[in-house]
Amino acid sequence: MGDVVEELRAAGCVFAEDEARLLTAAASGDELRAMVARRVAGEPLEYVLGWAEFAGRRYVVAPGVFVPRHRTELLVRLAAGFAHGESVVLDLCCGSGALGATVAAEVPGIELHATDIEPAAVRCARQNVPGAVYEGDLYAPLPPRLRGHVDVLIANVPYVPTGEVALMPPEARDHEPRVALDGGSDGLDVLRRVVAEAPAWLAPGGHVLFEAGGRQAPAAAAEVRRAGLAASIEHDDDLGATVVVGDRF
């Protein structure tokens, strides 16, 4: 344990003790040494362990799949608040599927669907999501029967402006898929596509929710209104999170 801590600390891992505890609990001997070497080389801890903790639960993650952030727990909390036991919930840009899976755990009985454009994410999500997972671009792979029947639409879209991706921590910019990070020149390119089509997929009284940067939130809310939905902005200072909500009435 002490040797692992020293190796991780020397590599610049801020939470070396916590990481060492997780790694030594997961493996020993040559397997542990291989895992430590991957972490020292800069690979995200979640990839090395094979799982990520989100909202108090563990979800499978793998290299090439976006790692769920704790700040996104605000998005899930709000989505779960809108859902009930018979709701149809759609998780777009689902990555590992942790968001939709958490809503399903919090609100038993929902009908959950998820999509992602990345094959690695789809393979991962199918291990986490208690529902259907489709591979394709946003709404394209969804069954037509869902049109006009989605009660809660979660879209954790990429929202980092292209020019700021290089400023992200190396674990993210060097290992996570660019398509899950880069939101275009102002960070809102994918969001605009999601919001423009959302009214056609939402049921009356349905909600679309997505995360945004604090500075982006007013522009993101304007896109929601342009699509004909009511918009509101929610903040959680403890999580450092901002979520934009669109409501269809």
C-alpha atoms as a PDB file:
ATOM      1  CA  MET A   1       0.000   0.000   0.000  1.00  0.00           C
ATOM      2  CA  GLY A   2       2.746   2.445   0.969  1.00  0.00           C
ATOM      3  CA  ASP A   3       4.721   1.763  -2.200  1.00  0.00           C
ATOM      4  CA  VAL A   4       1.644   2.286  -4.356  1.00  0.00           C
ATOM      5  CA  VAL A   5       0.901   5.578  -2.613  1.00  0.00           C
ATOM      6  CA  GLU A   6       4.439   6.799  -3.262  1.00  0.00           C
ATOM      7  CA  GLU A   7       4.304   5.842  -6.939  1.00  0.00           C
ATOM      8  CA  LEU A   8       0.993   7.583  -7.434  1.00  0.00           C
ATOM      9  CA  ARG A   9       2.074  10.654  -5.514  1.00  0.00           C
ATOM     10  CA  ALA A  10       5.264  10.900  -7.562  1.00  0.00           C
ATOM     11  CA  ALA A  11       3.136  10.763 -10.721  1.00  0.00           C
ATOM     12  CA  GLY A  12       1.115  13.734  -9.501  1.00  0.00           C
ATOM     13  CA  CYS A  13      -2.044  11.972  -8.331  1.00  0.00           C
ATOM     14  CA  VAL A  14      -3.657  14.391  -5.885  1.00  0.00           C
ATOM     15  CA  PHE A  15      -5.678  11.704  -4.100  1.00  0.00           C
ATOM     16  CA  ALA A  16      -2.893   9.114  -4.031  1.00  0.00           C
ATOM     17  CA  GLU A  17      -3.993   7.495  -0.770  1.00  0.00           C
ATOM     18  CA  ASP A  18      -7.592   7.049  -1.869  1.00  0.00           C
ATOM     19  CA  GLU A  19      -6.554   5.712  -5.268  1.00  0.00           C
ATOM     20  CA  ALA A  20      -4.044   3.308  -3.728  1.00  0.00           C
ATOM     21  CA  ARG A  21      -6.744   1.945  -1.446  1.00  0.00           C
ATOM     22  CA  LEU A  22      -9.016   1.225  -4.421  1.00  0.00           C
ATOM     23  CA  LEU A  23      -6.265  -0.314  -6.522  1.00  0.00           C
ATOM     24  CA  THR A  24      -4.941  -2.587  -3.772  1.00  0.00           C
ATOM     25  CA  ALA A  25      -8.492  -3.717  -3.024  1.00  0.00           C
ATOM     26  CA  ALA A  26      -8.976  -4.603  -6.688  1.00  0.00           C
ATOM     27  CA  ALA A  27      -5.800  -6.589  -7.365  1.00  0.00           C
ATOM     28  CA  SER A  28      -2.456  -7.820  -6.099  1.00  0.00           C
ATOM     29  CA  GLY A  29       0.883  -8.993  -7.455  1.00  0.00           C
ATOM     30  CA  ASP A  30       1.534  -8.562 -11.174  1.00  0.00           C
ATOM     31  CA  GLU A  31      -2.033  -7.454 -11.851  1.00  0.00           C
ATOM     32  CA  LEU A  32      -1.726  -4.661  -9.291  1.00  0.00           C
ATOM     33  CA  ARG A  33       1.619  -3.571 -10.714  1.00  0.00           C
ATOM     34  CA  ALA A  34       0.109  -3.405 -14.200  1.00  0.00           C
ATOM     35  CA  MET A  35      -2.822  -1.337 -12.942  1.00  0.00           C
ATOM     36  CA  VAL A  36      -0.541   1.081 -11.100  1.00  0.00           C
ATOM     37  CA  ALA A  37       1.597   1.446 -14.220  1.00  0.00           C
ATOM     38  CA  ARG A  38      -1.478   2.382 -16.264  1.00  0.00           C
ATOM     39  CA  ARG A  39      -2.484   4.979 -13.696  1.00  0.00           C
ATOM     40  CA  VAL A  40       1.035   6.414 -13.438  1.00  0.00           C
ATOM     41  CA  ALA A  41       1.042   6.739 -17.237  1.00  0.00           C
ATOM     42  CA  GLY A  42      -2.006   9.020 -16.931  1.00  0.00           C
ATOM     43  CA  GLU A  43      -4.896   6.708 -17.708  1.00  0.00           C
ATOM     44  CA  PRO A  44      -8.082   7.662 -15.822  1.00  0.00           C
ATOM     45  CA  LEU A  45      -8.513   5.715 -12.595  1.00  0.00           C
ATOM     46  CA  GLU A  46     -11.989   4.640 -13.692  1.00  0.00           C
ATOM     47  CA  TYR A  47     -10.568   2.951 -16.805  1.00  0.00           C
ATOM     48  CA  VAL A  48      -7.973   1.155 -14.705  1.00  0.00           C
ATOM     49  CA  LEU A  49     -10.557  -0.071 -12.192  1.00  0.00           C
ATOM     50  CA  GLY A  50     -13.206  -0.818 -14.809  1.00  0.00           C
ATOM     51  CA  TRP A  51     -15.911   1.122 -13.003  1.00  0.00           C
ATOM     52  CA  ALA A  52     -16.937   4.630 -11.980  1.00  0.00           C
ATOM     53  CA  GLU A  53     -18.826   5.688  -8.866  1.00  0.00           C
ATOM     54  CA  PHE A  54     -21.823   7.875  -9.662  1.00  0.00           C
ATOM     55  CA  ALA A  55     -24.622   8.910  -7.322  1.00  0.00           C
ATOM     56  CA  GLY A  56     -23.571   6.260  -4.812  1.00  0.00           C
ATOM     57  CA  ARG A  57     -23.544   3.396  -7.336  1.00  0.00           C
ATOM     58  CA  ARG A  58     -20.857   1.713  -9.407  1.00  0.00           C
ATOM     59  CA  TYR A  59     -21.160   1.538 -13.184  1.00  0.00           C
ATOM     60  CA  VAL A  60     -18.993  -0.254 -15.706  1.00  0.00           C
ATOM     61  CA  VAL A  61     -16.710   2.012 -17.742  1.00  0.00           C
ATOM     62  CA  ALA A  62     -14.047   1.153 -20.298  1.00  0.00           C
ATOM     63  CA  PRO A  63     -11.358   2.963 -22.274  1.00  0.00           C
ATOM     64  CA  GLY A  64     -12.870   5.241 -24.892  1.00  0.00           C
ATOM     65  CA  VAL A  65     -16.031   5.882 -22.867  1.00  0.00           C
ATOM     66  CA  PHE A  66     -16.878   9.206 -21.210  1.00  0.00           C
ATOM     67  CA  VAL A  67     -16.511   8.994 -17.426  1.00  0.00           C
ATOM     68  CA  PRO A  68     -19.605  10.312 -15.581  1.00  0.00           C
ATOM     69  CA  ARG A  69     -18.901  13.401 -13.434  1.00  0.00           C
ATOM     70  CA  HIS A  70     -20.277  13.933  -9.961  1.00  0.00           C
ATOM     71  CA  ARG A  71     -21.612  17.355 -10.942  1.00  0.00           C
ATOM     72  CA  THR A  72     -24.021  15.588 -13.296  1.00  0.00           C
ATOM     73  CA  GLU A  73     -25.829  14.193 -10.269  1.00  0.00           C
ATOM     74  CA  LEU A  74     -27.881  17.419 -10.335  1.00  0.00           C
ATOM     75  CA  LEU A  75     -29.173  16.502 -13.791  1.00  0.00           C
ATOM     76  CA  VAL A  76     -30.137  13.025 -12.613  1.00  0.00           C
ATOM     77  CA  ARG A  77     -31.761  14.329  -9.432  1.00  0.00           C
ATOM     78  CA  LEU A  78     -33.954  16.714 -11.421  1.00  0.00           C
ATOM     79  CA  ALA A  79     -34.830  14.029 -13.980  1.00  0.00           C
ATOM     80  CA  ALA A  80     -35.830  11.577 -11.257  1.00  0.00           C
ATOM     81  CA  GLY A  81     -38.049  14.268  -9.778  1.00  0.00           C
ATOM     82  CA  PHE A  82     -39.970  14.561 -13.039  1.00  0.00           C
ATOM     83  CA  ALA A  83     -40.324  10.809 -13.567  1.00  0.00           C
ATOM     84  CA  HIS A  84     -42.832   8.351 -12.143  1.00  0.00           C
ATOM     85  CA  GLY A  85     -43.279   4.604 -12.351  1.00  0.00           C
ATOM     86  CA  GLU A  86     -44.783   4.623 -15.846  1.00  0.00           C
ATOM     87  CA  SER A  87     -42.624   7.335 -17.431  1.00  0.00           C
ATOM     88  CA  VAL A  88     -40.769   6.878 -20.692  1.00  0.00           C
ATOM     89  CA  VAL A  89     -37.233   8.164 -20.099  1.00  0.00           C
ATOM     90  CA  LEU A  90     -34.713   8.763 -22.889  1.00  0.00           C
ATOM     91  CA  ASP A  91     -30.969   9.177 -22.241  1.00  0.00           C
ATOM     92  CA  LEU A  92     -29.292  10.760 -25.291  1.00  0.00           C
ATOM     93  CA  CYS A  93     -25.478  10.844 -25.557  1.00  0.00           C
ATOM     94  CA  CYS A  94     -25.649   8.229 -22.825  1.00  0.00           C
ATOM     95  CA  GLY A  95     -21.956   7.301 -22.593  1.00  0.00           C
ATOM     96  CA  SER A  96     -21.713   4.571 -19.958  1.00  0.00           C
ATOM     97  CA  GLY A  97     -25.461   4.802 -19.360  1.00  0.00           C
ATOM     98  CA  ALA A  98     -24.942   5.823 -15.736  1.00  0.00           C
ATOM     99  CA  LEU A  99     -27.432   8.696 -15.877  1.00  0.00           C
ATOM    100  CA  GLY A 100     -30.392   6.759 -17.182  1.00  0.00           C
ATOM    101  CA  ALA A 101     -29.523   3.752 -15.043  1.00  0.00           C
ATOM    102  CA  THR A 102     -29.510   5.939 -11.938  1.00  0.00           C
ATOM    103  CA  VAL A 103     -32.925   7.382 -12.779  1.00  0.00           C
ATOM    104  CA  ALA A 104     -34.197   3.828 -13.261  1.00  0.00           C
ATOM    105  CA  ALA A 105     -32.802   2.845  -9.863  1.00  0.00           C
ATOM    106  CA  GLU A 106     -34.401   5.870  -8.207  1.00  0.00           C
ATOM    107  CA  VAL A 107     -37.749   5.510  -9.974  1.00  0.00           C
ATOM    108  CA  PRO A 108     -38.590   1.805 -10.432  1.00  0.00           C
ATOM    109  CA  GLY A 109     -40.887   0.942 -13.296  1.00  0.00           C
ATOM    110  CA  ILE A 110     -39.804   3.515 -15.869  1.00  0.00           C
ATOM    111  CA  GLU A 111     -39.365   2.535 -19.517  1.00  0.00           C
ATOM    112  CA  LEU A 112     -35.752   3.474 -20.263  1.00  0.00           C
ATOM    113  CA  HIS A 113     -34.141   4.002 -23.676  1.00  0.00           C
ATOM    114  CA  ALA A 114     -30.601   5.237 -24.368  1.00  0.00           C
ATOM    115  CA  THR A 115     -28.512   6.160 -27.408  1.00  0.00           C
ATOM    116  CA  ASP A 116     -24.894   6.982 -28.183  1.00  0.00           C
ATOM    117  CA  ILE A 117     -22.927   7.395 -31.385  1.00  0.00           C
ATOM    118  CA  GLU A 118     -19.790   5.706 -30.019  1.00  0.00           C
ATOM    119  CA  PRO A 119     -19.713   1.878 -30.315  1.00  0.00           C
ATOM    120  CA  ALA A 120     -17.538   1.594 -27.176  1.00  0.00           C
ATOM    121  CA  ALA A 121     -20.096   3.586 -25.196  1.00  0.00           C
ATOM    122  CA  VAL A 122     -22.962   1.458 -26.472  1.00  0.00           C
ATOM    123  CA  ARG A 123     -21.173  -1.760 -25.453  1.00  0.00           C
ATOM    124  CA  CYS A 124     -20.572  -0.290 -22.008  1.00  0.00           C
ATOM    125  CA  ALA A 125     -24.094   1.093 -21.584  1.00  0.00           C
ATOM    126  CA  ARG A 126     -25.604  -2.282 -22.402  1.00  0.00           C
ATOM    127  CA  GLN A 127     -23.933  -3.600 -19.248  1.00  0.00           C
ATOM    128  CA  ASN A 128     -25.396  -0.803 -17.100  1.00  0.00           C
ATOM    129  CA  VAL A 129     -28.758   0.183 -18.550  1.00  0.00           C
ATOM    130  CA  PRO A 130     -31.902  -1.764 -17.589  1.00  0.00           C
ATOM    131  CA  GLY A 131     -33.507  -0.955 -20.907  1.00  0.00           C
ATOM    132  CA  ALA A 132     -32.847  -0.636 -24.635  1.00  0.00           C
ATOM    133  CA  VAL A 133     -29.579   0.908 -25.849  1.00  0.00           C
ATOM    134  CA  TYR A 134     -29.258   2.024 -29.485  1.00  0.00           C
ATOM    135  CA  GLU A 135     -26.180   2.946 -31.505  1.00  0.00           C
ATOM    136  CA  GLY A 136     -26.518   6.030 -33.669  1.00  0.00           C
ATOM    137  CA  ASP A 137     -26.645   9.805 -33.877  1.00  0.00           C
ATOM    138  CA  LEU A 138     -29.005  11.314 -31.284  1.00  0.00           C
ATOM    139  CA  TYR A 139     -32.621  10.453 -32.193  1.00  0.00           C
ATOM    140  CA  ALA A 140     -31.820   8.632 -35.453  1.00  0.00           C
ATOM    141  CA  PRO A 141     -31.759   5.028 -34.106  1.00  0.00           C
ATOM    142  CA  LEU A 142     -34.855   5.344 -31.922  1.00  0.00           C
ATOM    143  CA  PRO A 143     -38.024   3.372 -32.698  1.00  0.00           C
ATOM    144  CA  PRO A 144     -40.660   5.678 -34.232  1.00  0.00           C
ATOM    145  CA  ARG A 145     -43.188   4.638 -31.583  1.00  0.00           C
ATOM    146  CA  LEU A 146     -41.351   6.842 -29.050  1.00  0.00           C
ATOM    147  CA  ARG A 147     -42.073  10.003 -31.014  1.00  0.00           C
ATOM    148  CA  GLY A 148     -44.382  12.187 -28.926  1.00  0.00           C
ATOM    149  CA  HIS A 149     -44.241   9.796 -25.945  1.00  0.00           C
ATOM    150  CA  VAL A 150     -41.028  10.670 -24.061  1.00  0.00           C
ATOM    151  CA  ASP A 151     -41.782  12.037 -20.609  1.00  0.00           C
ATOM    152  CA  VAL A 152     -38.212  12.811 -19.511  1.00  0.00           C
ATOM    153  CA  LEU A 153     -35.373  13.408 -21.977  1.00  0.00           C
ATOM    154  CA  ILE A 154     -31.862  13.552 -20.499  1.00  0.00           C
ATOM    155  CA  ALA A 155     -29.160  14.802 -22.848  1.00  0.00           C
ATOM    156  CA  ASN A 156     -25.685  15.076 -21.343  1.00  0.00           C
ATOM    157  CA  VAL A 157     -24.350  16.613 -24.545  1.00  0.00           C
ATOM    158  CA  PRO A 158     -20.729  17.697 -25.081  1.00  0.00           C
ATOM    159  CA  TYR A 159     -20.553  21.399 -24.221  1.00  0.00           C
ATOM    160  CA  VAL A 160     -16.870  22.332 -24.039  1.00  0.00           C
ATOM    161  CA  PRO A 161     -16.057  24.947 -26.726  1.00  0.00           C
ATOM    162  CA  THR A 162     -13.585  23.578 -29.264  1.00  0.00           C
ATOM    163  CA  GLY A 163     -10.951  26.120 -28.289  1.00  0.00           C
ATOM    164  CA  GLU A 164     -11.080  25.062 -24.651  1.00  0.00           C
ATOM    165  CA  VAL A 165     -10.724  21.287 -25.069  1.00  0.00           C
ATOM    166  CA  ALA A 166      -6.933  21.662 -24.960  1.00  0.00           C
ATOM    167  CA  LEU A 167      -7.279  23.286 -21.522  1.00  0.00           C
ATOM    168  CA  MET A 168      -9.022  20.268 -20.003  1.00  0.00           C
ATOM    169  CA  PRO A 169      -7.146  17.913 -17.643  1.00  0.00           C
ATOM    170  CA  PRO A 170      -4.971  15.411 -19.552  1.00  0.00           C
ATOM    171  CA  GLU A 171      -7.055  12.479 -18.290  1.00  0.00           C
ATOM    172  CA  ALA A 172     -10.021  13.850 -20.215  1.00  0.00           C
ATOM    173  CA  ARG A 173      -8.479  15.370 -23.324  1.00  0.00           C
ATOM    174  CA  ASP A 174      -6.012  12.528 -23.946  1.00  0.00           C
ATOM    175  CA  HIS A 175      -8.217   9.544 -23.115  1.00  0.00           C
ATOM    176  CA  GLU A 176     -11.929  10.322 -23.382  1.00  0.00           C
ATOM    177  CA  PRO A 177     -13.524  10.447 -26.851  1.00  0.00           C
ATOM    178  CA  ARG A 178     -13.352  13.905 -28.445  1.00  0.00           C
ATOM    179  CA  VAL A 179     -16.959  13.539 -29.598  1.00  0.00           C
ATOM    180  CA  ALA A 180     -18.064  13.398 -25.938  1.00  0.00           C
ATOM    181  CA  LEU A 181     -16.241  16.628 -25.053  1.00  0.00           C
ATOM    182  CA  ASP A 182     -16.207  19.027 -28.020  1.00  0.00           C
ATOM    183  CA  GLY A 183     -19.390  21.047 -28.358  1.00  0.00           C
ATOM    184  CA  GLY A 184     -18.280  23.211 -31.275  1.00  0.00           C
ATOM    185  CA  SER A 185     -17.162  26.832 -31.406  1.00  0.00           C
ATOM    186  CA  ASP A 186     -19.438  28.003 -28.574  1.00  0.00           C
ATOM    187  CA  GLY A 187     -20.058  24.589 -27.002  1.00  0.00           C
ATOM    188  CA  LEU A 188     -23.708  24.507 -28.061  1.00  0.00           C
ATOM    189  CA  ASP A 189     -23.648  22.754 -31.448  1.00  0.00           C
ATOM    190  CA  VAL A 190     -24.987  19.386 -30.280  1.00  0.00           C
ATOM    191  CA  LEU A 191     -27.345  21.039 -27.837  1.00  0.00           C
ATOM    192  CA  ARG A 192     -29.019  22.966 -30.672  1.00  0.00           C
ATOM    193  CA  ARG A 193     -29.690  19.734 -32.534  1.00  0.00           C
ATOM    194  CA  VAL A 194     -31.103  18.037 -29.440  1.00  0.00           C
ATOM    195  CA  VAL A 195     -33.378  20.942 -28.554  1.00  0.00           C
ATOM    196  CA  ALA A 196     -34.612  21.528 -32.103  1.00  0.00           C
ATOM    197  CA  GLU A 197     -36.005  17.990 -32.317  1.00  0.00           C
ATOM    198  CA  ALA A 198     -37.040  17.600 -28.678  1.00  0.00           C
ATOM    199  CA  PRO A 199     -40.625  18.903 -29.060  1.00  0.00           C
ATOM    200  CA  ALA A 200     -41.377  16.169 -31.614  1.00  0.00           C
ATOM    201  CA  TRP A 201     -40.276  13.441 -29.183  1.00  0.00           C
ATOM    202  CA  LEU A 202     -41.618  14.836 -25.911  1.00  0.00           C
ATOM    203  CA  ALA A 203     -45.030  13.875 -24.631  1.00  0.00           C
ATOM    204  CA  PRO A 204     -47.344  16.701 -23.536  1.00  0.00           C
ATOM    205  CA  GLY A 205     -46.008  17.837 -20.177  1.00  0.00           C
ATOM    206  CA  GLY A 206     -42.618  16.281 -20.945  1.00  0.00           C
ATOM    207  CA  HIS A 207     -39.234  17.686 -19.995  1.00  0.00           C
ATOM    208  CA  VAL A 208     -35.803  17.887 -21.612  1.00  0.00           C
ATOM    209  CA  LEU A 209     -32.788  18.423 -19.334  1.00  0.00           C
ATOM    210  CA  PHE A 210     -29.136  18.992 -20.140  1.00  0.00           C
ATOM    211  CA  GLU A 211     -26.004  20.219 -18.416  1.00  0.00           C
ATOM    212  CA  ALA A 212     -24.250  23.425 -19.491  1.00  0.00           C
ATOM    213  CA  GLY A 213     -21.470  25.668 -18.364  1.00  0.00           C
ATOM    214  CA  GLY A 214     -22.596  28.528 -16.156  1.00  0.00           C
ATOM    215  CA  ARG A 215     -21.704  31.147 -18.760  1.00  0.00           C
ATOM    216  CA  GLN A 216     -23.503  29.196 -21.479  1.00  0.00           C
ATOM    217  CA  ALA A 217     -26.757  28.738 -19.614  1.00  0.00           C
ATOM    218  CA  PRO A 218     -28.554  31.905 -20.825  1.00  0.00           C
ATOM    219  CA  ALA A 219     -27.733  31.140 -24.474  1.00  0.00           C
ATOM    220  CA  ALA A 220     -28.734  27.501 -23.963  1.00  0.00           C
ATOM    221  CA  ALA A 221     -32.051  28.550 -22.413  1.00  0.00           C
ATOM    222  CA  ALA A 222     -32.649  30.834 -25.398  1.00  0.00           C
ATOM    223  CA  GLU A 223     -32.268  27.821 -27.710  1.00  0.00           C
ATOM    224  CA  VAL A 224     -34.870  25.980 -25.645  1.00  0.00           C
ATOM    225  CA  ARG A 225     -37.329  28.859 -26.004  1.00  0.00           C
ATOM    226  CA  ARG A 226     -36.607  29.090 -29.735  1.00  0.00           C
ATOM    227  CA  ALA A 227     -37.758  25.483 -30.017  1.00  0.00           C
ATOM    228  CA  GLY A 228     -41.083  26.434 -28.438  1.00  0.00           C
ATOM    229  CA  LEU A 229     -40.432  25.099 -24.941  1.00  0.00           C
ATOM    230  CA  ALA A 230     -40.512  26.899 -21.609  1.00  0.00           C
ATOM    231  CA  ALA A 231     -37.007  27.196 -20.144  1.00  0.00           C
ATOM    232  CA  SER A 232     -35.534  27.415 -16.656  1.00  0.00           C
ATOM    233  CA  ILE A 233     -32.019  27.186 -15.226  1.00  0.00           C
ATOM    234  CA  GLU A 234     -31.063  25.229 -12.105  1.00  0.00           C
ATOM    235  CA  HIS A 235     -27.790  25.578 -10.167  1.00  0.00           C
ATOM    236  CA  ASP A 236     -26.106  23.548  -7.447  1.00  0.00           C
ATOM    237  CA  ASP A 237     -23.173  25.420  -5.967  1.00  0.00           C
ATOM    238  CA  ASP A 238     -21.944  22.417  -3.985  1.00  0.00           C
ATOM    239  CA  LEU A 239     -21.640  20.320  -7.145  1.00  0.00           C
ATOM    240  CA  GLY A 240     -20.606  23.243  -9.330  1.00  0.00           C
ATOM    241  CA  ALA A 241     -23.381  22.240 -11.707  1.00  0.00           C
ATOM    242  CA  THR A 242     -25.781  24.068 -14.009  1.00  0.00           C
ATOM    243  CA  VAL A 243     -28.730  22.376 -15.694  1.00  0.00           C
ATOM    244  CA  VAL A 244     -31.125  23.853 -18.250  1.00  0.00           C
ATOM    245  CA  VAL A 245     -34.669  22.449 -18.263  1.00  0.00           C
ATOM    246  CA  GLY A 246     -37.130  22.703 -21.134  1.00  0.00           C
ATOM    247  CA  ASP A 247     -40.816  21.970 -20.575  1.00  0.00           C
ATOM    248  CA  ARG A 248     -43.451  21.095 -23.173  1.00  0.00           C
ATOM    249  CA  PHE A 249     -46.964  22.176 -22.286  1.00  0.00           C
END
